[in-house]
């Protein structure tokens, strides 16, 4: 559900630019007719709502999965502390690899010795960050938004598989514990 919401959010941007419902390149913190600037991305209120909701739900799930994963194994297989399930996504620089490590460690501690799809999922996530470019030129903004949405589809499909895999293994463990 979280991945689907994020994919929809990424699709809103190019469609909004095509149909004139999202404005691009407005000044930081200045309200425009339809959207406002969040960081360096021009964003509609719908996008902000989806981003914040997706972040909270994803981090809650990842943090809880981390706690369960710790209970599943006697070994300390986690490279990062629990707080990085929340902060890893937003702290500059370390956001390039900490979230991947947290998800990988939860997956391994939950019983997957070879976590399939993690590298490709993370590559899609990082590439989405590169292609999510705000431009004053509508054609560039549409192209970057379309590329971002195109990367979001396989990335979100893999994320759904990762979530299902971890959740299935943790439910099976809880049923036997």
C-alpha atoms as a PDB file:
ATOM      1  CA  UNK A   1       0.000   0.000   0.000  1.00  0.00           C
ATOM      2  CA  UNK A   2       2.812   2.397   0.885  1.00  0.00           C
ATOM      3  CA  UNK A   3       4.647   1.695  -2.352  1.00  0.00           C
ATOM      4  CA  UNK A   4       1.476   2.133  -4.380  1.00  0.00           C
ATOM      5  CA  UNK A   5       0.817   5.492  -2.703  1.00  0.00           C
ATOM      6  CA  UNK A   6       4.336   6.637  -3.480  1.00  0.00           C
ATOM      7  CA  UNK A   7       4.037   5.529  -7.097  1.00  0.00           C
ATOM      8  CA  UNK A   8       0.805   7.500  -7.393  1.00  0.00           C
ATOM      9  CA  UNK A   9       2.518  10.528  -5.872  1.00  0.00           C
ATOM     10  CA  UNK A  10       5.303  10.307  -8.437  1.00  0.00           C
ATOM     11  CA  UNK A  11       2.747  10.004 -11.235  1.00  0.00           C
ATOM     12  CA  UNK A  12       0.866  13.096 -10.012  1.00  0.00           C
ATOM     13  CA  UNK A  13       3.791  15.389 -10.848  1.00  0.00           C
ATOM     14  CA  UNK A  14       4.188  14.786 -14.617  1.00  0.00           C
ATOM     15  CA  UNK A  15       0.422  14.596 -15.085  1.00  0.00           C
ATOM     16  CA  UNK A  16      -0.010  17.805 -13.127  1.00  0.00           C
ATOM     17  CA  UNK A  17       2.575  19.548 -15.273  1.00  0.00           C
ATOM     18  CA  UNK A  18       0.931  18.255 -18.445  1.00  0.00           C
ATOM     19  CA  UNK A  19      -2.499  19.494 -17.426  1.00  0.00           C
ATOM     20  CA  UNK A  20      -1.359  22.646 -15.622  1.00  0.00           C
ATOM     21  CA  UNK A  21      -2.434  21.635 -12.110  1.00  0.00           C
ATOM     22  CA  UNK A  22       1.070  21.646 -10.596  1.00  0.00           C
ATOM     23  CA  UNK A  23       3.406  24.610 -10.817  1.00  0.00           C
ATOM     24  CA  UNK A  24       7.125  24.248 -11.050  1.00  0.00           C
ATOM     25  CA  UNK A  25       9.997  26.342  -9.691  1.00  0.00           C
ATOM     26  CA  UNK A  26       8.174  28.635  -7.290  1.00  0.00           C
ATOM     27  CA  UNK A  27      10.085  30.358  -4.503  1.00  0.00           C
ATOM     28  CA  UNK A  28      10.839  28.497  -1.292  1.00  0.00           C
ATOM     29  CA  UNK A  29       8.001  28.773   1.195  1.00  0.00           C
ATOM     30  CA  UNK A  30       5.918  31.057  -1.022  1.00  0.00           C
ATOM     31  CA  UNK A  31       2.403  29.833  -1.678  1.00  0.00           C
ATOM     32  CA  UNK A  32       1.482  29.649  -5.357  1.00  0.00           C
ATOM     33  CA  UNK A  33      -1.931  29.211  -6.903  1.00  0.00           C
ATOM     34  CA  UNK A  34      -1.789  25.425  -6.853  1.00  0.00           C
ATOM     35  CA  UNK A  35       1.351  24.231  -5.117  1.00  0.00           C
ATOM     36  CA  UNK A  36       4.256  25.319  -2.954  1.00  0.00           C
ATOM     37  CA  UNK A  37       7.927  24.551  -2.698  1.00  0.00           C
ATOM     38  CA  UNK A  38       9.089  21.770  -0.371  1.00  0.00           C
ATOM     39  CA  UNK A  39      12.878  21.853  -0.162  1.00  0.00           C
ATOM     40  CA  UNK A  40      13.847  22.325  -3.788  1.00  0.00           C
ATOM     41  CA  UNK A  41      10.856  20.535  -5.310  1.00  0.00           C
ATOM     42  CA  UNK A  42       7.716  22.386  -6.316  1.00  0.00           C
ATOM     43  CA  UNK A  43       5.010  20.306  -4.728  1.00  0.00           C
ATOM     44  CA  UNK A  44       1.233  20.291  -4.582  1.00  0.00           C
ATOM     45  CA  UNK A  45      -0.562  19.858  -1.249  1.00  0.00           C
ATOM     46  CA  UNK A  46      -1.630  16.378  -2.405  1.00  0.00           C
ATOM     47  CA  UNK A  47       2.006  15.403  -2.978  1.00  0.00           C
ATOM     48  CA  UNK A  48       3.014  16.690   0.474  1.00  0.00           C
ATOM     49  CA  UNK A  49       0.213  14.707   2.112  1.00  0.00           C
ATOM     50  CA  UNK A  50       1.191  11.519   0.263  1.00  0.00           C
ATOM     51  CA  UNK A  51       4.923  12.010   0.972  1.00  0.00           C
ATOM     52  CA  UNK A  52       4.427  12.570   4.707  1.00  0.00           C
ATOM     53  CA  UNK A  53       1.904   9.737   5.051  1.00  0.00           C
ATOM     54  CA  UNK A  54       4.106   7.355   3.076  1.00  0.00           C
ATOM     55  CA  UNK A  55       7.158   8.286   5.145  1.00  0.00           C
ATOM     56  CA  UNK A  56       5.384   7.751   8.485  1.00  0.00           C
ATOM     57  CA  UNK A  57       3.725   4.458   7.495  1.00  0.00           C
ATOM     58  CA  UNK A  58       6.942   3.103   5.927  1.00  0.00           C
ATOM     59  CA  UNK A  59       9.096   4.051   8.903  1.00  0.00           C
ATOM     60  CA  UNK A  60       6.586   2.611  11.380  1.00  0.00           C
ATOM     61  CA  UNK A  61       6.568  -0.671   9.467  1.00  0.00           C
ATOM     62  CA  UNK A  62      10.368  -0.743   9.114  1.00  0.00           C
ATOM     63  CA  UNK A  63      10.942   0.081  12.788  1.00  0.00           C
ATOM     64  CA  UNK A  64       8.489  -2.598  13.962  1.00  0.00           C
ATOM     65  CA  UNK A  65      10.001  -5.113  11.565  1.00  0.00           C
ATOM     66  CA  UNK A  66      13.421  -4.242  12.931  1.00  0.00           C
ATOM     67  CA  UNK A  67      12.238  -4.931  16.511  1.00  0.00           C
ATOM     68  CA  UNK A  68      10.768  -8.289  15.472  1.00  0.00           C
ATOM     69  CA  UNK A  69      13.917  -9.136  13.503  1.00  0.00           C
ATOM     70  CA  UNK A  70      16.013  -8.503  16.608  1.00  0.00           C
ATOM     71  CA  UNK A  71      13.849 -10.959  18.530  1.00  0.00           C
ATOM     72  CA  UNK A  72      14.154 -13.551  15.752  1.00  0.00           C
ATOM     73  CA  UNK A  73      17.918 -13.899  15.955  1.00  0.00           C
ATOM     74  CA  UNK A  74      20.342 -14.214  18.843  1.00  0.00           C
ATOM     75  CA  UNK A  75      23.092 -12.569  16.800  1.00  0.00           C
ATOM     76  CA  UNK A  76      23.433  -8.853  16.252  1.00  0.00           C
ATOM     77  CA  UNK A  77      23.281  -8.691  12.460  1.00  0.00           C
ATOM     78  CA  UNK A  78      22.286  -5.025  12.261  1.00  0.00           C
ATOM     79  CA  UNK A  79      24.853  -2.472  11.101  1.00  0.00           C
ATOM     80  CA  UNK A  80      22.702   0.485  12.206  1.00  0.00           C
ATOM     81  CA  UNK A  81      20.630   1.268  15.296  1.00  0.00           C
ATOM     82  CA  UNK A  82      16.833   1.312  15.379  1.00  0.00           C
ATOM     83  CA  UNK A  83      16.641   5.093  15.003  1.00  0.00           C
ATOM     84  CA  UNK A  84      18.038   4.826  11.482  1.00  0.00           C
ATOM     85  CA  UNK A  85      14.792   3.214  10.342  1.00  0.00           C
ATOM     86  CA  UNK A  86      13.454   6.777  10.708  1.00  0.00           C
ATOM     87  CA  UNK A  87      16.438   9.055  10.197  1.00  0.00           C
ATOM     88  CA  UNK A  88      18.208   7.117   7.460  1.00  0.00           C
ATOM     89  CA  UNK A  89      15.812   8.398   4.813  1.00  0.00           C
ATOM     90  CA  UNK A  90      16.204  12.097   5.610  1.00  0.00           C
ATOM     91  CA  UNK A  91      19.734  12.719   6.930  1.00  0.00           C
ATOM     92  CA  UNK A  92      21.846  14.122   4.092  1.00  0.00           C
ATOM     93  CA  UNK A  93      24.661  11.992   2.684  1.00  0.00           C
ATOM     94  CA  UNK A  94      23.963   8.884   4.800  1.00  0.00           C
ATOM     95  CA  UNK A  95      20.527   8.655   3.129  1.00  0.00           C
ATOM     96  CA  UNK A  96      22.434   7.251   0.151  1.00  0.00           C
ATOM     97  CA  UNK A  97      23.169   3.929   1.923  1.00  0.00           C
ATOM     98  CA  UNK A  98      21.755   3.728   5.488  1.00  0.00           C
ATOM     99  CA  UNK A  99      18.169   2.860   4.458  1.00  0.00           C
ATOM    100  CA  UNK A 100      19.470   0.071   2.234  1.00  0.00           C
ATOM    101  CA  UNK A 101      21.510  -1.313   5.136  1.00  0.00           C
ATOM    102  CA  UNK A 102      18.567  -1.159   7.537  1.00  0.00           C
ATOM    103  CA  UNK A 103      16.248  -2.988   5.110  1.00  0.00           C
ATOM    104  CA  UNK A 104      18.955  -5.522   4.213  1.00  0.00           C
ATOM    105  CA  UNK A 105      19.673  -6.270   7.866  1.00  0.00           C
ATOM    106  CA  UNK A 106      15.981  -6.676   8.713  1.00  0.00           C
ATOM    107  CA  UNK A 107      15.580  -8.990   5.724  1.00  0.00           C
ATOM    108  CA  UNK A 108      18.595 -11.113   6.689  1.00  0.00           C
ATOM    109  CA  UNK A 109      17.608 -11.254  10.384  1.00  0.00           C
ATOM    110  CA  UNK A 110      14.112 -12.314   9.322  1.00  0.00           C
ATOM    111  CA  UNK A 111      15.483 -15.403   7.614  1.00  0.00           C
ATOM    112  CA  UNK A 112      16.503 -14.469   4.076  1.00  0.00           C
ATOM    113  CA  UNK A 113      20.137 -15.388   3.584  1.00  0.00           C
ATOM    114  CA  UNK A 114      20.229 -13.998   0.042  1.00  0.00           C
ATOM    115  CA  UNK A 115      17.843 -11.012  -0.017  1.00  0.00           C
ATOM    116  CA  UNK A 116      16.713 -11.023  -3.642  1.00  0.00           C
ATOM    117  CA  UNK A 117      15.920  -7.743  -5.335  1.00  0.00           C
ATOM    118  CA  UNK A 118      17.367  -5.428  -2.697  1.00  0.00           C
ATOM    119  CA  UNK A 119      20.125  -4.044  -4.897  1.00  0.00           C
ATOM    120  CA  UNK A 120      17.817  -3.382  -7.837  1.00  0.00           C
ATOM    121  CA  UNK A 121      15.200  -1.819  -5.536  1.00  0.00           C
ATOM    122  CA  UNK A 122      17.803   0.483  -4.027  1.00  0.00           C
ATOM    123  CA  UNK A 123      19.193   1.409  -7.461  1.00  0.00           C
ATOM    124  CA  UNK A 124      15.676   2.380  -8.580  1.00  0.00           C
ATOM    125  CA  UNK A 125      15.229   4.458  -5.408  1.00  0.00           C
ATOM    126  CA  UNK A 126      18.513   6.316  -5.884  1.00  0.00           C
ATOM    127  CA  UNK A 127      17.848   6.910  -9.587  1.00  0.00           C
ATOM    128  CA  UNK A 128      14.394   8.282  -8.752  1.00  0.00           C
ATOM    129  CA  UNK A 129      16.121  10.847  -6.545  1.00  0.00           C
ATOM    130  CA  UNK A 130      18.367  11.883  -9.427  1.00  0.00           C
ATOM    131  CA  UNK A 131      15.568  12.137 -11.996  1.00  0.00           C
ATOM    132  CA  UNK A 132      13.173  13.980  -9.663  1.00  0.00           C
ATOM    133  CA  UNK A 133      14.333  17.350 -10.975  1.00  0.00           C
ATOM    134  CA  UNK A 134      12.487  20.641 -10.675  1.00  0.00           C
ATOM    135  CA  UNK A 135      12.875  22.935 -13.651  1.00  0.00           C
ATOM    136  CA  UNK A 136      11.422  26.200 -14.849  1.00  0.00           C
ATOM    137  CA  UNK A 137      11.214  24.627 -18.301  1.00  0.00           C
ATOM    138  CA  UNK A 138       7.956  22.622 -18.414  1.00  0.00           C
ATOM    139  CA  UNK A 139       9.339  20.169 -20.986  1.00  0.00           C
ATOM    140  CA  UNK A 140      12.310  19.283 -18.770  1.00  0.00           C
ATOM    141  CA  UNK A 141      10.031  19.021 -15.742  1.00  0.00           C
ATOM    142  CA  UNK A 142       7.653  16.686 -17.614  1.00  0.00           C
ATOM    143  CA  UNK A 143      10.538  14.529 -18.862  1.00  0.00           C
ATOM    144  CA  UNK A 144      12.155  14.254 -15.426  1.00  0.00           C
ATOM    145  CA  UNK A 145       8.806  13.509 -13.811  1.00  0.00           C
ATOM    146  CA  UNK A 146       8.069  10.821 -16.377  1.00  0.00           C
ATOM    147  CA  UNK A 147      11.491   9.212 -15.851  1.00  0.00           C
ATOM    148  CA  UNK A 148      10.941   9.292 -12.104  1.00  0.00           C
ATOM    149  CA  UNK A 149       7.539   7.645 -12.449  1.00  0.00           C
ATOM    150  CA  UNK A 150       9.024   5.020 -14.816  1.00  0.00           C
ATOM    151  CA  UNK A 151      11.667   4.136 -12.212  1.00  0.00           C
ATOM    152  CA  UNK A 152       9.049   4.105  -9.456  1.00  0.00           C
ATOM    153  CA  UNK A 153       7.098   1.237 -11.020  1.00  0.00           C
ATOM    154  CA  UNK A 154       9.811  -1.470 -10.799  1.00  0.00           C
ATOM    155  CA  UNK A 155      11.144   0.053  -7.572  1.00  0.00           C
ATOM    156  CA  UNK A 156       7.734  -0.095  -5.934  1.00  0.00           C
ATOM    157  CA  UNK A 157       7.058  -3.600  -7.246  1.00  0.00           C
ATOM    158  CA  UNK A 158      10.320  -4.766  -5.681  1.00  0.00           C
ATOM    159  CA  UNK A 159       9.542  -2.867  -2.457  1.00  0.00           C
ATOM    160  CA  UNK A 160       6.177  -4.631  -2.225  1.00  0.00           C
ATOM    161  CA  UNK A 161       7.992  -7.968  -2.643  1.00  0.00           C
ATOM    162  CA  UNK A 162      10.485  -7.048   0.071  1.00  0.00           C
ATOM    163  CA  UNK A 163       7.711  -6.020   2.460  1.00  0.00           C
ATOM    164  CA  UNK A 164       5.756  -9.206   1.772  1.00  0.00           C
ATOM    165  CA  UNK A 165       8.839 -11.381   2.189  1.00  0.00           C
ATOM    166  CA  UNK A 166       9.806  -9.855   5.513  1.00  0.00           C
ATOM    167  CA  UNK A 167       6.230  -9.837   6.806  1.00  0.00           C
ATOM    168  CA  UNK A 168       5.629 -13.469   5.777  1.00  0.00           C
ATOM    169  CA  UNK A 169       8.799 -14.697   7.460  1.00  0.00           C
ATOM    170  CA  UNK A 170       8.093 -12.714  10.613  1.00  0.00           C
ATOM    171  CA  UNK A 171       4.486 -13.970  10.822  1.00  0.00           C
ATOM    172  CA  UNK A 172       5.688 -17.559  10.381  1.00  0.00           C
ATOM    173  CA  UNK A 173       8.246 -17.032  13.165  1.00  0.00           C
ATOM    174  CA  UNK A 174       5.611 -15.485  15.462  1.00  0.00           C
ATOM    175  CA  UNK A 175       3.291 -18.443  14.883  1.00  0.00           C
ATOM    176  CA  UNK A 176       5.974 -20.900  16.042  1.00  0.00           C
ATOM    177  CA  UNK A 177       7.342 -18.788  18.904  1.00  0.00           C
END
